[in-house]
PDB file of all heavy atoms in Angstrom:
ATOM      1  N   LEU A   1       0.398   9.326  64.589  1.00  0.00           N
ATOM      2  CA  LEU A   1       0.435   8.720  65.884  1.00  0.00           C
ATOM      3  C   LEU A   1      -0.852   9.018  66.746  1.00  0.00           C
ATOM      4  O   LEU A   1      -1.207   8.186  67.439  1.00  0.00           O
ATOM      5  CB  LEU A   1       1.666   9.237  66.655  1.00  0.00           C
ATOM      6  CG  LEU A   1       2.145   8.232  67.752  1.00  0.00           C
ATOM      7  CD1 LEU A   1       2.649   6.951  67.158  1.00  0.00           C
ATOM      8  CD2 LEU A   1       3.270   8.855  68.509  1.00  0.00           C
ATOM      9  N   LEU A   2      -1.465  10.078  66.570  1.00  0.00           N
ATOM     10  CA  LEU A   2      -2.571  10.453  67.356  1.00  0.00           C
ATOM     11  C   LEU A   2      -3.842   9.511  67.011  1.00  0.00           C
ATOM     12  O   LEU A   2      -4.673   9.309  67.836  1.00  0.00           O
ATOM     13  CB  LEU A   2      -3.027  11.856  67.263  1.00  0.00           C
ATOM     14  CG  LEU A   2      -2.117  12.897  68.012  1.00  0.00           C
ATOM     15  CD1 LEU A   2      -2.721  14.255  67.988  1.00  0.00           C
ATOM     16  CD2 LEU A   2      -1.883  12.485  69.434  1.00  0.00           C
ATOM     17  N   VAL A   3      -3.884   9.078  65.753  1.00  0.00           N
ATOM     18  CA  VAL A   3      -5.004   8.243  65.314  1.00  0.00           C
ATOM     19  C   VAL A   3      -4.948   6.864  66.151  1.00  0.00           C
ATOM     20  O   VAL A   3      -5.880   6.487  66.801  1.00  0.00           O
ATOM     21  CB  VAL A   3      -5.048   8.020  63.817  1.00  0.00           C
ATOM     22  CG1 VAL A   3      -6.026   6.809  63.475  1.00  0.00           C
ATOM     23  CG2 VAL A   3      -5.567   9.241  63.097  1.00  0.00           C
ATOM     24  N   PRO A   4      -3.757   6.183  66.031  1.00  0.00           N
ATOM     25  CA  PRO A   4      -3.635   4.821  66.820  1.00  0.00           C
ATOM     26  C   PRO A   4      -3.752   5.086  68.358  1.00  0.00           C
ATOM     27  O   PRO A   4      -4.299   4.342  69.079  1.00  0.00           O
ATOM     28  CB  PRO A   4      -2.324   4.319  66.475  1.00  0.00           C
ATOM     29  CG  PRO A   4      -1.591   5.419  65.774  1.00  0.00           C
ATOM     30  CD  PRO A   4      -2.554   6.343  65.181  1.00  0.00           C
ATOM     31  N   ILE A   5      -3.233   6.271  68.771  1.00  0.00           N
ATOM     32  CA  ILE A   5      -3.239   6.544  70.203  1.00  0.00           C
ATOM     33  C   ILE A   5      -4.781   6.760  70.640  1.00  0.00           C
ATOM     34  O   ILE A   5      -5.155   6.188  71.636  1.00  0.00           O
ATOM     35  CB  ILE A   5      -2.502   7.758  70.634  1.00  0.00           C
ATOM     36  CG1 ILE A   5      -0.967   7.473  70.522  1.00  0.00           C
ATOM     37  CG2 ILE A   5      -2.808   8.198  72.056  1.00  0.00           C
ATOM     38  CD1 ILE A   5      -0.079   8.672  70.855  1.00  0.00           C
ATOM     39  N   GLY A   6      -5.459   7.534  69.944  1.00  0.00           N
ATOM     40  CA  GLY A   6      -6.804   7.766  70.260  1.00  0.00           C
ATOM     41  C   GLY A   6      -7.657   6.387  70.184  1.00  0.00           C
ATOM     42  O   GLY A   6      -8.396   6.196  71.103  1.00  0.00           O
ATOM     43  N   VAL A   7      -7.542   5.574  69.297  1.00  0.00           N
ATOM     44  CA  VAL A   7      -8.132   4.273  69.124  1.00  0.00           C
ATOM     45  C   VAL A   7      -7.763   3.492  70.267  1.00  0.00           C
ATOM     46  O   VAL A   7      -8.602   2.789  70.961  1.00  0.00           O
ATOM     47  CB  VAL A   7      -7.882   3.677  67.741  1.00  0.00           C
ATOM     48  CG1 VAL A   7      -8.448   2.215  67.859  1.00  0.00           C
ATOM     49  CG2 VAL A   7      -8.512   4.421  66.608  1.00  0.00           C
ATOM     50  N   GLY A   8      -6.447   3.426  70.641  1.00  0.00           N
ATOM     51  CA  GLY A   8      -6.053   2.626  71.740  1.00  0.00           C
ATOM     52  C   GLY A   8      -6.595   3.068  73.130  1.00  0.00           C
ATOM     53  O   GLY A   8      -7.063   2.354  73.883  1.00  0.00           O
ATOM     54  N   GLY A   9      -6.801   4.327  73.149  1.00  0.00           N
ATOM     55  CA  GLY A   9      -7.333   4.993  74.461  1.00  0.00           C
ATOM     56  C   GLY A   9      -8.871   4.633  74.564  1.00  0.00           C
ATOM     57  O   GLY A   9      -9.321   4.199  75.639  1.00  0.00           O
ATOM     58  N   ILE A  10      -9.536   4.669  73.404  1.00  0.00           N
ATOM     59  CA  ILE A  10     -11.047   4.183  73.432  1.00  0.00           C
ATOM     60  C   ILE A  10     -11.094   2.764  73.719  1.00  0.00           C
ATOM     61  O   ILE A  10     -11.893   2.339  74.692  1.00  0.00           O
ATOM     62  CB  ILE A  10     -11.565   4.410  72.058  1.00  0.00           C
ATOM     63  CG1 ILE A  10     -11.691   5.951  71.794  1.00  0.00           C
ATOM     64  CG2 ILE A  10     -12.968   3.832  71.953  1.00  0.00           C
ATOM     65  CD1 ILE A  10     -12.171   6.397  70.422  1.00  0.00           C
ATOM     66  N   LEU A  11     -10.307   1.876  73.145  1.00  0.00           N
ATOM     67  CA  LEU A  11     -10.389   0.470  73.308  1.00  0.00           C
ATOM     68  C   LEU A  11      -9.996   0.014  74.695  1.00  0.00           C
ATOM     69  O   LEU A  11     -10.705  -0.872  75.244  1.00  0.00           O
ATOM     70  CB  LEU A  11      -9.529  -0.227  72.386  1.00  0.00           C
ATOM     71  CG  LEU A  11      -9.987  -0.277  70.851  1.00  0.00           C
ATOM     72  CD1 LEU A  11      -8.897  -1.002  70.004  1.00  0.00           C
ATOM     73  CD2 LEU A  11     -11.304  -0.865  70.630  1.00  0.00           C
ATOM     74  N   SER A  12      -9.021   0.715  75.323  1.00  0.00           N
ATOM     75  CA  SER A  12      -8.582   0.295  76.680  1.00  0.00           C
ATOM     76  C   SER A  12      -9.596   0.694  77.784  1.00  0.00           C
ATOM     77  O   SER A  12      -9.377   0.278  78.904  1.00  0.00           O
ATOM     78  CB  SER A  12      -7.208   0.960  76.956  1.00  0.00           C
ATOM     79  OG  SER A  12      -7.323   2.418  77.070  1.00  0.00           O
ATOM     80  N   ASN A  13     -10.599   1.588  77.468  1.00  0.00           N
ATOM     81  CA  ASN A  13     -11.578   2.023  78.435  1.00  0.00           C
ATOM     82  C   ASN A  13     -12.849   1.375  78.313  1.00  0.00           C
ATOM     83  O   ASN A  13     -13.841   1.856  78.869  1.00  0.00           O
ATOM     84  CB  ASN A  13     -11.615   3.541  78.492  1.00  0.00           C
ATOM     85  CG  ASN A  13     -10.414   4.153  79.108  1.00  0.00           C
ATOM     86  OD1 ASN A  13     -10.321   4.179  80.327  1.00  0.00           O
ATOM     87  ND2 ASN A  13      -9.461   4.729  78.322  1.00  0.00           N
ATOM     88  N   ILE A  14     -13.085   0.478  77.345  1.00  0.00           N
ATOM     89  CA  ILE A  14     -14.408  -0.221  77.136  1.00  0.00           C
ATOM     90  C   ILE A  14     -14.535  -1.295  78.255  1.00  0.00           C
ATOM     91  O   ILE A  14     -13.691  -2.164  78.312  1.00  0.00           O
ATOM     92  CB  ILE A  14     -14.367  -0.872  75.819  1.00  0.00           C
ATOM     93  CG1 ILE A  14     -14.407   0.226  74.708  1.00  0.00           C
ATOM     94  CG2 ILE A  14     -15.640  -1.735  75.658  1.00  0.00           C
ATOM     95  CD1 ILE A  14     -14.498  -0.246  73.326  1.00  0.00           C
ATOM     96  N   PRO A  15     -15.545  -1.205  79.084  1.00  0.00           N
ATOM     97  CA  PRO A  15     -15.735  -2.097  80.095  1.00  0.00           C
ATOM     98  C   PRO A  15     -15.882  -3.653  79.640  1.00  0.00           C
ATOM     99  O   PRO A  15     -16.414  -3.779  78.526  1.00  0.00           O
ATOM    100  CB  PRO A  15     -16.950  -1.677  80.832  1.00  0.00           C
ATOM    101  CG  PRO A  15     -17.165  -0.199  80.409  1.00  0.00           C
ATOM    102  CD  PRO A  15     -16.503  -0.095  79.011  1.00  0.00           C
ATOM    103  N   LEU A  16     -15.215  -4.482  80.469  1.00  0.00           N
ATOM    104  CA  LEU A  16     -15.392  -5.934  80.252  1.00  0.00           C
ATOM    105  C   LEU A  16     -14.579  -6.434  79.043  1.00  0.00           C
ATOM    106  O   LEU A  16     -14.251  -7.667  78.937  1.00  0.00           O
ATOM    107  CB  LEU A  16     -16.778  -6.282  79.988  1.00  0.00           C
ATOM    108  CG  LEU A  16     -17.909  -6.003  81.006  1.00  0.00           C
ATOM    109  CD1 LEU A  16     -19.223  -6.662  80.633  1.00  0.00           C
ATOM    110  CD2 LEU A  16     -17.435  -6.642  82.451  1.00  0.00           C
ATOM    111  N   ALA A  17     -14.112  -5.559  78.147  1.00  0.00           N
ATOM    112  CA  ALA A  17     -13.323  -6.065  77.001  1.00  0.00           C
ATOM    113  C   ALA A  17     -11.911  -6.421  77.382  1.00  0.00           C
ATOM    114  O   ALA A  17     -11.370  -7.392  76.989  1.00  0.00           O
ATOM    115  CB  ALA A  17     -13.281  -4.954  75.950  1.00  0.00           C
ATOM    116  N   GLY A  18     -11.407  -5.748  78.440  1.00  0.00           N
ATOM    117  CA  GLY A  18     -10.106  -6.126  78.939  1.00  0.00           C
ATOM    118  C   GLY A  18      -8.972  -6.153  77.878  1.00  0.00           C
ATOM    119  O   GLY A  18      -7.993  -6.899  78.099  1.00  0.00           O
ATOM    120  N   MET A  19      -9.002  -5.301  76.914  1.00  0.00           N
ATOM    121  CA  MET A  19      -8.042  -5.308  75.825  1.00  0.00           C
ATOM    122  C   MET A  19      -6.579  -4.816  76.333  1.00  0.00           C
ATOM    123  O   MET A  19      -5.539  -5.176  75.799  1.00  0.00           O
ATOM    124  CB  MET A  19      -8.561  -4.417  74.647  1.00  0.00           C
ATOM    125  CG  MET A  19      -9.744  -5.031  74.011  1.00  0.00           C
ATOM    126  SD  MET A  19     -10.331  -4.095  72.598  1.00  0.00           S
ATOM    127  CE  MET A  19      -8.942  -4.527  71.417  1.00  0.00           C
ATOM    128  N   ALA A  20      -6.582  -4.010  77.352  1.00  0.00           N
ATOM    129  CA  ALA A  20      -5.320  -3.394  77.825  1.00  0.00           C
ATOM    130  C   ALA A  20      -4.896  -4.119  79.186  1.00  0.00           C
ATOM    131  O   ALA A  20      -3.877  -3.787  79.790  1.00  0.00           O
ATOM    132  CB  ALA A  20      -5.414  -2.005  78.059  1.00  0.00           C
ATOM    133  N   ASP A  21      -5.728  -5.188  79.548  1.00  0.00           N
ATOM    134  CA  ASP A  21      -5.408  -5.828  80.848  1.00  0.00           C
ATOM    135  C   ASP A  21      -4.565  -7.044  80.566  1.00  0.00           C
ATOM    136  O   ASP A  21      -4.759  -7.818  79.572  1.00  0.00           O
ATOM    137  CB  ASP A  21      -6.679  -6.267  81.600  1.00  0.00           C
ATOM    138  CG  ASP A  21      -7.613  -5.153  81.967  1.00  0.00           C
ATOM    139  OD1 ASP A  21      -7.059  -3.931  82.162  1.00  0.00           O
ATOM    140  OD2 ASP A  21      -8.806  -5.253  82.033  1.00  0.00           O
ATOM    141  N   SER A  22      -3.669  -7.317  81.582  1.00  0.00           N
ATOM    142  CA  SER A  22      -3.000  -8.607  81.600  1.00  0.00           C
ATOM    143  C   SER A  22      -3.978  -9.680  82.143  1.00  0.00           C
ATOM    144  O   SER A  22      -5.091  -9.379  82.575  1.00  0.00           O
ATOM    145  CB  SER A  22      -1.778  -8.496  82.643  1.00  0.00           C
ATOM    146  OG  SER A  22      -2.362  -8.328  83.996  1.00  0.00           O
ATOM    147  N   ALA A  23      -3.580 -10.984  82.075  1.00  0.00           N
ATOM    148  CA  ALA A  23      -4.392 -12.029  82.365  1.00  0.00           C
ATOM    149  C   ALA A  23      -4.682 -11.887  83.855  1.00  0.00           C
ATOM    150  O   ALA A  23      -5.810 -12.121  84.338  1.00  0.00           O
ATOM    151  CB  ALA A  23      -3.723 -13.316  82.109  1.00  0.00           C
ATOM    152  N   LEU A  24      -3.792 -11.516  84.687  1.00  0.00           N
ATOM    153  CA  LEU A  24      -4.018 -11.303  86.147  1.00  0.00           C
ATOM    154  C   LEU A  24      -4.999 -10.255  86.409  1.00  0.00           C
ATOM    155  O   LEU A  24      -5.949 -10.468  87.269  1.00  0.00           O
ATOM    156  CB  LEU A  24      -2.566 -10.954  86.758  1.00  0.00           C
ATOM    157  CG  LEU A  24      -2.834 -10.564  88.267  1.00  0.00           C
ATOM    158  CD1 LEU A  24      -3.304 -11.820  89.117  1.00  0.00           C
ATOM    159  CD2 LEU A  24      -1.455 -10.138  88.912  1.00  0.00           C
ATOM    160  N   GLU A  25      -4.824  -9.122  85.731  1.00  0.00           N
ATOM    161  CA  GLU A  25      -5.826  -8.021  85.944  1.00  0.00           C
ATOM    162  C   GLU A  25      -7.192  -8.476  85.603  1.00  0.00           C
ATOM    163  O   GLU A  25      -8.238  -8.061  86.273  1.00  0.00           O
ATOM    164  CB  GLU A  25      -5.439  -6.756  85.107  1.00  0.00           C
ATOM    165  CG  GLU A  25      -4.141  -6.142  85.704  1.00  0.00           C
ATOM    166  CD  GLU A  25      -3.649  -5.065  84.658  1.00  0.00           C
ATOM    167  OE1 GLU A  25      -3.609  -5.266  83.441  1.00  0.00           O
ATOM    168  OE2 GLU A  25      -3.259  -3.999  85.191  1.00  0.00           O
ATOM    169  N   HIS A  26      -7.381  -9.213  84.565  1.00  0.00           N
ATOM    170  CA  HIS A  26      -8.705  -9.782  84.032  1.00  0.00           C
ATOM    171  C   HIS A  26      -9.259 -10.671  85.226  1.00  0.00           C
ATOM    172  O   HIS A  26     -10.461 -10.671  85.437  1.00  0.00           O
ATOM    173  CB  HIS A  26      -8.503 -10.489  82.794  1.00  0.00           C
ATOM    174  CG  HIS A  26      -9.789 -10.796  82.031  1.00  0.00           C
ATOM    175  ND1 HIS A  26     -10.460 -11.962  82.382  1.00  0.00           N
ATOM    176  CD2 HIS A  26     -10.494 -10.123  81.153  1.00  0.00           C
ATOM    177  CE1 HIS A  26     -11.717 -11.950  81.617  1.00  0.00           C
ATOM    178  NE2 HIS A  26     -11.662 -10.920  80.818  1.00  0.00           N
ATOM    179  N   ALA A  27      -8.250 -11.570  85.698  1.00  0.00           N
ATOM    180  CA  ALA A  27      -8.776 -12.370  86.851  1.00  0.00           C
ATOM    181  C   ALA A  27      -9.257 -11.583  88.065  1.00  0.00           C
ATOM    182  O   ALA A  27     -10.178 -11.961  88.709  1.00  0.00           O
ATOM    183  CB  ALA A  27      -7.656 -13.343  87.142  1.00  0.00           C
ATOM    184  N   LEU A  28      -8.552 -10.611  88.339  1.00  0.00           N
ATOM    185  CA  LEU A  28      -8.886  -9.708  89.573  1.00  0.00           C
ATOM    186  C   LEU A  28     -10.225  -9.019  89.420  1.00  0.00           C
ATOM    187  O   LEU A  28     -11.020  -8.914  90.362  1.00  0.00           O
ATOM    188  CB  LEU A  28      -7.773  -8.711  89.861  1.00  0.00           C
ATOM    189  CG  LEU A  28      -6.449  -9.209  90.370  1.00  0.00           C
ATOM    190  CD1 LEU A  28      -5.360  -8.072  90.349  1.00  0.00           C
ATOM    191  CD2 LEU A  28      -6.511  -9.891  91.658  1.00  0.00           C
TER     192      LEU A  28
END
């Protein structure tokens, strides 16, 4: 579980990628 959690944490904090954002958040 820590491997996918770690990768998810990295991906969600990459600027402009918006991988963890909803469409609304991306628009904002």
